[in-house]
Amino acid sequence: MKLSKNAEKKIMANVKVLQDLLDPIEKSGTRIVFFEAPFDKDFMSSPASLFLRQALVGAFPPTKYGWIFPEGDQIYNTTDSIHLDKEGGIRFSNYMLNQLRINGWLSNI
């Protein structure tokens, strides 16, 4: 199932708003790091998720911005297909913290 042109337009408009909001923050010297938390695998591969991911990575390329994506080989359980359960939340938080450290995106933690 393909995403409607109207839905694509709305997503792109929201990405533009995000760019406008983040621009002054970035210009002030703040390092912006994006992340995608894992959620239900069917939702992660839905047309909306795929389009949104492509739009965000296109607008905020990994060559300029930090990105943390879920580990492809890890399985996370959710409480409702979107929100991680407690164990998954802790595990993904630790993974994110490790990625922030490995990539030098943390200075004082």
C-alpha atoms as a PDB file:
ATOM      1  CA  MET A   1       0.000   0.000   0.000  1.00  0.00           C
ATOM      2  CA  LYS A   2       1.412   3.361  -1.049  1.00  0.00           C
ATOM      3  CA  LEU A   3       1.174   6.531   0.994  1.00  0.00           C
ATOM      4  CA  SER A   4      -1.183   9.147  -0.450  1.00  0.00           C
ATOM      5  CA  LYS A   5       0.249  12.291  -2.029  1.00  0.00           C
ATOM      6  CA  ASN A   6      -1.627  14.340   0.591  1.00  0.00           C
ATOM      7  CA  ALA A   7       0.027  12.369   3.416  1.00  0.00           C
ATOM      8  CA  GLU A   8       3.425  12.806   1.768  1.00  0.00           C
ATOM      9  CA  LYS A   9       2.835  16.572   1.495  1.00  0.00           C
ATOM     10  CA  LYS A  10       1.907  16.783   5.188  1.00  0.00           C
ATOM     11  CA  ILE A  11       5.020  14.879   6.204  1.00  0.00           C
ATOM     12  CA  MET A  12       7.237  17.086   4.062  1.00  0.00           C
ATOM     13  CA  ALA A  13       5.602  20.231   5.500  1.00  0.00           C
ATOM     14  CA  ASN A  14       6.305  18.954   9.018  1.00  0.00           C
ATOM     15  CA  VAL A  15       9.913  18.168   8.092  1.00  0.00           C
ATOM     16  CA  LYS A  16      10.268  21.766   6.854  1.00  0.00           C
ATOM     17  CA  VAL A  17       8.862  23.080  10.146  1.00  0.00           C
ATOM     18  CA  LEU A  18      11.367  20.906  12.002  1.00  0.00           C
ATOM     19  CA  GLN A  19      14.211  22.274   9.867  1.00  0.00           C
ATOM     20  CA  ASP A  20      13.107  25.832  10.636  1.00  0.00           C
ATOM     21  CA  LEU A  21      12.892  25.112  14.368  1.00  0.00           C
ATOM     22  CA  LEU A  22      16.267  23.375  14.539  1.00  0.00           C
ATOM     23  CA  ASP A  23      18.171  25.873  12.398  1.00  0.00           C
ATOM     24  CA  PRO A  24      18.703  28.504  15.145  1.00  0.00           C
ATOM     25  CA  ILE A  25      19.525  25.796  17.674  1.00  0.00           C
ATOM     26  CA  GLU A  26      22.159  24.353  15.372  1.00  0.00           C
ATOM     27  CA  LYS A  27      23.542  27.814  14.592  1.00  0.00           C
ATOM     28  CA  SER A  28      24.025  28.383  18.319  1.00  0.00           C
ATOM     29  CA  GLY A  29      26.511  25.492  18.310  1.00  0.00           C
ATOM     30  CA  THR A  30      24.287  22.692  19.545  1.00  0.00           C
ATOM     31  CA  ARG A  31      24.985  19.261  18.059  1.00  0.00           C
ATOM     32  CA  ILE A  32      21.736  17.686  16.873  1.00  0.00           C
ATOM     33  CA  VAL A  33      21.423  13.922  17.093  1.00  0.00           C
ATOM     34  CA  PHE A  34      18.362  12.114  15.781  1.00  0.00           C
ATOM     35  CA  PHE A  35      17.290   8.659  16.830  1.00  0.00           C
ATOM     36  CA  GLU A  36      14.658   6.163  15.869  1.00  0.00           C
ATOM     37  CA  ALA A  37      13.451   3.981  18.681  1.00  0.00           C
ATOM     38  CA  PRO A  38      12.475   0.459  17.711  1.00  0.00           C
ATOM     39  CA  PHE A  39       8.811  -0.459  17.571  1.00  0.00           C
ATOM     40  CA  ASP A  40       6.642  -3.131  15.977  1.00  0.00           C
ATOM     41  CA  LYS A  41       8.408  -4.483  12.866  1.00  0.00           C
ATOM     42  CA  ASP A  42       5.261  -4.257  10.740  1.00  0.00           C
ATOM     43  CA  PHE A  43       4.844  -0.580  11.629  1.00  0.00           C
ATOM     44  CA  MET A  44       8.552   0.077  11.052  1.00  0.00           C
ATOM     45  CA  SER A  45       8.177  -1.136   7.468  1.00  0.00           C
ATOM     46  CA  SER A  46       4.829   0.570   6.792  1.00  0.00           C
ATOM     47  CA  PRO A  47       4.633   3.079   3.917  1.00  0.00           C
ATOM     48  CA  ALA A  48       4.259   5.985   6.369  1.00  0.00           C
ATOM     49  CA  SER A  49       7.276   4.931   8.444  1.00  0.00           C
ATOM     50  CA  LEU A  50       9.411   4.330   5.373  1.00  0.00           C
ATOM     51  CA  PHE A  51       8.478   7.684   3.842  1.00  0.00           C
ATOM     52  CA  LEU A  52       9.006   9.570   7.100  1.00  0.00           C
ATOM     53  CA  ARG A  53      12.399   7.934   7.662  1.00  0.00           C
ATOM     54  CA  GLN A  54      13.449   8.746   4.084  1.00  0.00           C
ATOM     55  CA  ALA A  55      12.230  12.355   4.407  1.00  0.00           C
ATOM     56  CA  LEU A  56      14.056  12.929   7.697  1.00  0.00           C
ATOM     57  CA  VAL A  57      17.317  11.330   6.569  1.00  0.00           C
ATOM     58  CA  GLY A  58      17.085  13.329   3.335  1.00  0.00           C
ATOM     59  CA  ALA A  59      16.551  16.608   5.176  1.00  0.00           C
ATOM     60  CA  PHE A  60      19.069  15.819   7.917  1.00  0.00           C
ATOM     61  CA  PRO A  61      21.752  13.681   6.254  1.00  0.00           C
ATOM     62  CA  PRO A  62      23.932  11.467   8.453  1.00  0.00           C
ATOM     63  CA  THR A  63      26.993  13.177   6.952  1.00  0.00           C
ATOM     64  CA  LYS A  64      25.959  16.367   8.777  1.00  0.00           C
ATOM     65  CA  TYR A  65      23.791  15.184  11.693  1.00  0.00           C
ATOM     66  CA  GLY A  66      24.105  12.423  14.210  1.00  0.00           C
ATOM     67  CA  TRP A  67      21.764   9.495  13.721  1.00  0.00           C
ATOM     68  CA  ILE A  68      21.091   6.487  15.933  1.00  0.00           C
ATOM     69  CA  PHE A  69      19.037   3.711  14.371  1.00  0.00           C
ATOM     70  CA  PRO A  70      17.836   0.557  16.128  1.00  0.00           C
ATOM     71  CA  GLU A  71      20.129  -2.430  15.962  1.00  0.00           C
ATOM     72  CA  GLY A  72      18.846  -4.607  13.156  1.00  0.00           C
ATOM     73  CA  ASP A  73      19.495  -7.898  14.927  1.00  0.00           C
ATOM     74  CA  GLN A  74      17.806  -6.997  18.220  1.00  0.00           C
ATOM     75  CA  ILE A  75      14.218  -7.863  19.101  1.00  0.00           C
ATOM     76  CA  TYR A  76      12.316  -5.423  21.283  1.00  0.00           C
ATOM     77  CA  ASN A  77       8.921  -6.031  22.829  1.00  0.00           C
ATOM     78  CA  THR A  78       6.337  -3.275  22.991  1.00  0.00           C
ATOM     79  CA  THR A  79       3.322  -2.663  25.169  1.00  0.00           C
ATOM     80  CA  ASP A  80       1.157  -1.479  22.261  1.00  0.00           C
ATOM     81  CA  SER A  81       3.205  -1.945  19.045  1.00  0.00           C
ATOM     82  CA  ILE A  82       4.754   1.510  19.510  1.00  0.00           C
ATOM     83  CA  HIS A  83       6.060   1.938  23.064  1.00  0.00           C
ATOM     84  CA  LEU A  84       8.836  -0.309  24.329  1.00  0.00           C
ATOM     85  CA  ASP A  85       8.198  -2.365  27.415  1.00  0.00           C
ATOM     86  CA  LYS A  86      10.313  -1.599  30.497  1.00  0.00           C
ATOM     87  CA  GLU A  87      13.091  -4.066  29.651  1.00  0.00           C
ATOM     88  CA  GLY A  88      13.245  -2.887  26.038  1.00  0.00           C
ATOM     89  CA  GLY A  89      13.262   0.748  27.095  1.00  0.00           C
ATOM     90  CA  ILE A  90      16.191   0.170  29.412  1.00  0.00           C
ATOM     91  CA  ARG A  91      18.070  -1.863  26.806  1.00  0.00           C
ATOM     92  CA  PHE A  92      17.528   0.698  24.039  1.00  0.00           C
ATOM     93  CA  SER A  93      18.438   3.577  26.378  1.00  0.00           C
ATOM     94  CA  ASN A  94      21.726   1.849  27.160  1.00  0.00           C
ATOM     95  CA  TYR A  95      22.322   1.251  23.448  1.00  0.00           C
ATOM     96  CA  MET A  96      21.651   4.939  22.707  1.00  0.00           C
ATOM     97  CA  LEU A  97      23.973   6.074  25.483  1.00  0.00           C
ATOM     98  CA  ASN A  98      26.692   3.785  24.146  1.00  0.00           C
ATOM     99  CA  GLN A  99      26.207   5.148  20.605  1.00  0.00           C
ATOM    100  CA  LEU A 100      26.397   8.716  21.900  1.00  0.00           C
ATOM    101  CA  ARG A 101      29.656   7.889  23.656  1.00  0.00           C
ATOM    102  CA  ILE A 102      31.181   5.931  20.749  1.00  0.00           C
ATOM    103  CA  ASN A 103      30.463   8.761  18.311  1.00  0.00           C
ATOM    104  CA  GLY A 104      31.763  11.467  20.648  1.00  0.00           C
ATOM    105  CA  TRP A 105      28.370  13.154  20.910  1.00  0.00           C
ATOM    106  CA  LEU A 106      28.548  13.345  24.701  1.00  0.00           C
ATOM    107  CA  SER A 107      30.964  15.608  26.416  1.00  0.00           C
ATOM    108  CA  ASN A 108      30.324  15.273  30.142  1.00  0.00           C
ATOM    109  CA  ILE A 109      28.517  11.967  30.716  1.00  0.00           C
END
